[in-house]
Amino acid sequence: MIKTGMVKSEIEGVLSGKGDFVQIDYLTRFLKEPLTMDMKKFVFLKLAVLYEKTSMLKEAAKNYNNAAMVSIAFSEKINHYIKEAELYIKADDFEKSDEAMKKAGAQANSTEKDEIYFTIKEFYKRQAEAYEKNLKRANSARVYEKLLEMKISDSERKEIKEKLLEIYDKLGKTKEYIILKKGL
């Protein structure tokens, strides 16, 4: 069992060899103890990795958010918020992903904001392509529709619309197909 006053290496030792859910239980109980900010961040990040590993993406995202809140360095905060946004995209929670992107942007300067936006846009593209590859066309269409709402270049917009036309055709969404075809 993990106790207050243990250092990170001792915690790692206690957790090694245990199953993911046992590790999650130990760490969650440990969070109820009075901990330093650094130790809280360590536990939140450890929990986030475990939740992501067990495909509990929304819980993992929440823990990255918590880690960002206890982080001191702006670069750390930004990285944790970006990871939170990525996990919310994978979990199909676009509103929370947008919130995480805004939180990351609030910690960044203007050039970093552009980088954050570009990174998030790439996460959306990768997720849409992953859905396409796994023949989850309705999910892919939703992600591409979200991409069309974002600030993207004209060439990207045209490419996404062409992919959406193909997906709408395969899904039998003739109304959406016709509307989008007129927009091209």
Protein backbone atom coordinates (compact mmCIF):
# COMPACT_ATOMS: atom_id res chain seq x y z
CA MET A 1 0.00 0.00 0.00
CA ILE A 2 1.15 3.53 -0.73
CA LYS A 3 1.66 5.82 2.25
CA THR A 4 2.30 9.53 2.72
CA GLY A 5 6.00 10.32 2.83
CA MET A 6 6.99 7.79 0.21
CA VAL A 7 9.17 9.00 -2.65
CA LYS A 8 8.36 8.38 -6.29
CA SER A 9 10.72 5.41 -6.63
CA GLU A 10 9.12 3.70 -3.62
CA ILE A 11 5.66 4.27 -5.10
CA GLU A 12 6.84 2.84 -8.42
CA GLY A 13 8.16 -0.19 -6.52
CA VAL A 14 4.85 -0.77 -4.75
CA LEU A 15 2.93 -0.46 -8.03
CA SER A 16 5.21 -2.71 -10.08
CA GLY A 17 3.78 -6.14 -10.67
CA LYS A 18 0.24 -5.04 -9.85
CA GLY A 19 -2.58 -5.00 -12.38
CA ASP A 20 -3.73 -1.75 -13.93
CA PHE A 21 -6.93 -1.52 -11.93
CA VAL A 22 -5.16 -2.26 -8.65
CA GLN A 23 -2.64 0.48 -9.47
CA ILE A 24 -5.53 2.86 -10.23
CA ASP A 25 -7.15 1.99 -6.89
CA TYR A 26 -3.91 2.51 -4.95
CA LEU A 27 -3.19 5.84 -6.62
CA THR A 28 -6.76 7.09 -6.23
CA ARG A 29 -6.68 6.30 -2.52
CA PHE A 30 -3.28 7.96 -2.23
CA LEU A 31 -4.69 11.17 -3.71
CA LYS A 32 -6.93 11.52 -0.65
CA GLU A 33 -3.85 11.99 1.53
CA PRO A 34 -2.28 15.43 2.02
CA LEU A 35 0.33 15.59 -0.74
CA THR A 36 2.77 18.11 -2.15
CA MET A 37 1.97 19.68 -5.52
CA ASP A 38 4.80 17.74 -7.15
CA MET A 39 3.54 14.43 -5.75
CA LYS A 40 -0.04 15.21 -6.84
CA LYS A 41 1.21 15.91 -10.36
CA PHE A 42 3.13 12.62 -10.34
CA VAL A 43 0.02 10.70 -9.24
CA PHE A 44 -2.26 12.46 -11.74
CA LEU A 45 0.13 11.68 -14.60
CA LYS A 46 0.51 8.08 -13.47
CA LEU A 47 -3.29 7.74 -13.31
CA ALA A 48 -3.68 9.36 -16.72
CA VAL A 49 -1.30 6.86 -18.31
CA LEU A 50 -3.08 3.95 -16.63
CA TYR A 51 -6.53 5.15 -17.69
CA GLU A 52 -5.33 5.68 -21.25
CA LYS A 53 -3.81 2.20 -21.27
CA THR A 54 -7.16 0.73 -20.19
CA SER A 55 -9.03 2.82 -22.82
CA MET A 56 -10.79 4.96 -20.23
CA LEU A 57 -10.01 8.05 -22.26
CA LYS A 58 -12.25 10.57 -20.51
CA GLU A 59 -10.81 9.66 -17.12
CA ALA A 60 -7.30 9.92 -18.55
CA ALA A 61 -8.14 13.36 -19.95
CA LYS A 62 -9.46 14.50 -16.56
CA ASN A 63 -6.21 13.45 -14.94
CA TYR A 64 -4.15 15.34 -17.51
CA ASN A 65 -6.30 18.37 -16.72
CA ASN A 66 -5.63 17.91 -13.01
CA ALA A 67 -1.91 17.55 -13.68
CA ALA A 68 -1.97 20.78 -15.68
CA MET A 69 -3.71 22.60 -12.85
CA VAL A 70 -1.01 21.64 -10.34
CA SER A 71 1.86 22.26 -12.78
CA ILE A 72 3.84 25.43 -12.36
CA ALA A 73 5.65 25.77 -15.70
CA PHE A 74 3.55 27.11 -18.56
CA SER A 75 5.09 24.65 -21.01
CA GLU A 76 4.03 21.73 -18.80
CA LYS A 77 0.52 23.15 -18.47
CA ILE A 78 0.26 23.54 -22.25
CA ASN A 79 1.51 19.99 -22.90
CA HIS A 80 -0.95 18.50 -20.41
CA TYR A 81 -3.86 20.49 -21.84
CA ILE A 82 -2.92 19.39 -25.36
CA LYS A 83 -2.84 15.76 -24.24
CA GLU A 84 -6.24 16.30 -22.57
CA ALA A 85 -7.62 17.66 -25.86
CA GLU A 86 -6.19 14.70 -27.80
CA LEU A 87 -7.85 12.20 -25.48
CA TYR A 88 -11.20 13.99 -25.65
CA ILE A 89 -10.96 13.87 -29.46
CA LYS A 90 -10.34 10.11 -29.28
CA ALA A 91 -13.32 9.84 -26.90
CA ASP A 92 -15.50 11.82 -29.36
CA ASP A 93 -16.09 14.65 -26.90
CA PHE A 94 -15.37 17.64 -29.13
CA GLU A 95 -16.76 20.27 -26.75
CA LYS A 96 -14.38 19.26 -23.98
CA SER A 97 -11.56 19.06 -26.49
CA ASP A 98 -12.28 22.66 -27.48
CA GLU A 99 -12.28 23.68 -23.81
CA ALA A 100 -8.89 22.00 -23.31
CA MET A 101 -7.55 23.75 -26.41
CA LYS A 102 -8.73 27.10 -25.02
CA LYS A 103 -7.06 26.37 -21.67
CA ALA A 104 -3.81 25.56 -23.48
CA GLY A 105 -4.14 28.74 -25.52
CA ALA A 106 -4.66 30.81 -22.37
CA GLN A 107 -1.23 29.69 -21.16
CA ALA A 108 0.52 30.34 -24.48
CA ASN A 109 1.94 33.27 -26.44
CA SER A 110 0.78 33.99 -30.00
CA THR A 111 3.19 31.65 -31.80
CA GLU A 112 2.48 28.86 -29.33
CA LYS A 113 -1.26 29.39 -29.87
CA ASP A 114 -0.80 28.75 -33.59
CA GLU A 115 1.20 25.60 -32.83
CA ILE A 116 -1.48 24.39 -30.41
CA TYR A 117 -4.23 24.99 -32.98
CA PHE A 118 -2.24 23.17 -35.66
CA THR A 119 -1.56 20.23 -33.30
CA ILE A 120 -5.22 19.89 -32.34
CA LYS A 121 -6.25 20.10 -36.01
CA GLU A 122 -3.82 17.26 -36.77
CA PHE A 123 -5.32 15.17 -33.93
CA TYR A 124 -8.75 15.59 -35.55
CA LYS A 125 -7.38 14.59 -38.96
CA ARG A 126 -5.65 11.50 -37.55
CA GLN A 127 -8.79 10.47 -35.68
CA ALA A 128 -10.95 10.86 -38.80
CA GLU A 129 -8.47 8.77 -40.81
CA ALA A 130 -8.42 6.11 -38.09
CA TYR A 131 -12.22 5.91 -38.21
CA GLU A 132 -12.12 5.65 -42.00
CA LYS A 133 -9.56 2.89 -41.83
CA ASN A 134 -11.77 0.96 -39.38
CA LEU A 135 -14.84 1.62 -41.56
CA LYS A 136 -16.52 3.75 -38.90
CA ARG A 137 -17.84 6.16 -41.50
CA ALA A 138 -20.45 7.95 -39.36
CA ASN A 139 -17.80 8.77 -36.75
CA SER A 140 -15.39 9.83 -39.48
CA ALA A 141 -18.04 12.12 -40.97
CA ARG A 142 -18.60 13.76 -37.57
CA VAL A 143 -14.88 14.45 -37.18
CA TYR A 144 -14.59 15.85 -40.71
CA GLU A 145 -17.64 18.06 -40.06
CA LYS A 146 -15.90 19.35 -36.94
CA LEU A 147 -12.76 20.05 -39.00
CA LEU A 148 -14.82 22.13 -41.43
CA GLU A 149 -15.89 24.34 -38.50
CA MET A 150 -12.23 25.06 -37.68
CA LYS A 151 -9.91 27.60 -39.28
CA ILE A 152 -8.33 25.65 -42.11
CA SER A 153 -6.83 26.54 -45.46
CA ASP A 154 -8.88 26.45 -48.66
CA SER A 155 -6.97 23.41 -49.94
CA GLU A 156 -7.60 21.54 -46.68
CA ARG A 157 -11.26 22.54 -46.79
CA LYS A 158 -11.60 21.23 -50.36
CA GLU A 159 -9.84 17.97 -49.46
CA ILE A 160 -12.08 17.43 -46.42
CA LYS A 161 -15.22 18.18 -48.43
CA GLU A 162 -14.20 15.61 -51.04
CA LYS A 163 -13.67 13.01 -48.32
CA LEU A 164 -17.03 13.92 -46.80
CA LEU A 165 -18.76 13.55 -50.17
CA GLU A 166 -17.35 10.05 -50.47
CA ILE A 167 -18.41 9.17 -46.90
CA TYR A 168 -21.91 10.65 -47.34
CA ASP A 169 -22.29 8.63 -50.54
CA LYS A 170 -21.27 5.40 -48.78
CA LEU A 171 -23.56 6.17 -45.82
CA GLY A 172 -26.49 6.94 -48.09
CA LYS A 173 -26.84 10.48 -46.75
CA THR A 174 -28.15 11.92 -50.01
CA LYS A 175 -29.43 15.20 -48.51
CA GLU A 176 -26.03 16.03 -46.99
CA TYR A 177 -24.31 14.83 -50.17
CA ILE A 178 -26.36 17.17 -52.37
CA ILE A 179 -25.89 20.17 -50.05
CA LEU A 180 -22.13 19.64 -49.86
CA LYS A 181 -21.87 19.00 -53.61
CA LYS A 182 -23.48 22.39 -54.29
CA GLY A 183 -20.92 24.01 -51.98
CA LEU A 184 -17.98 22.70 -54.04
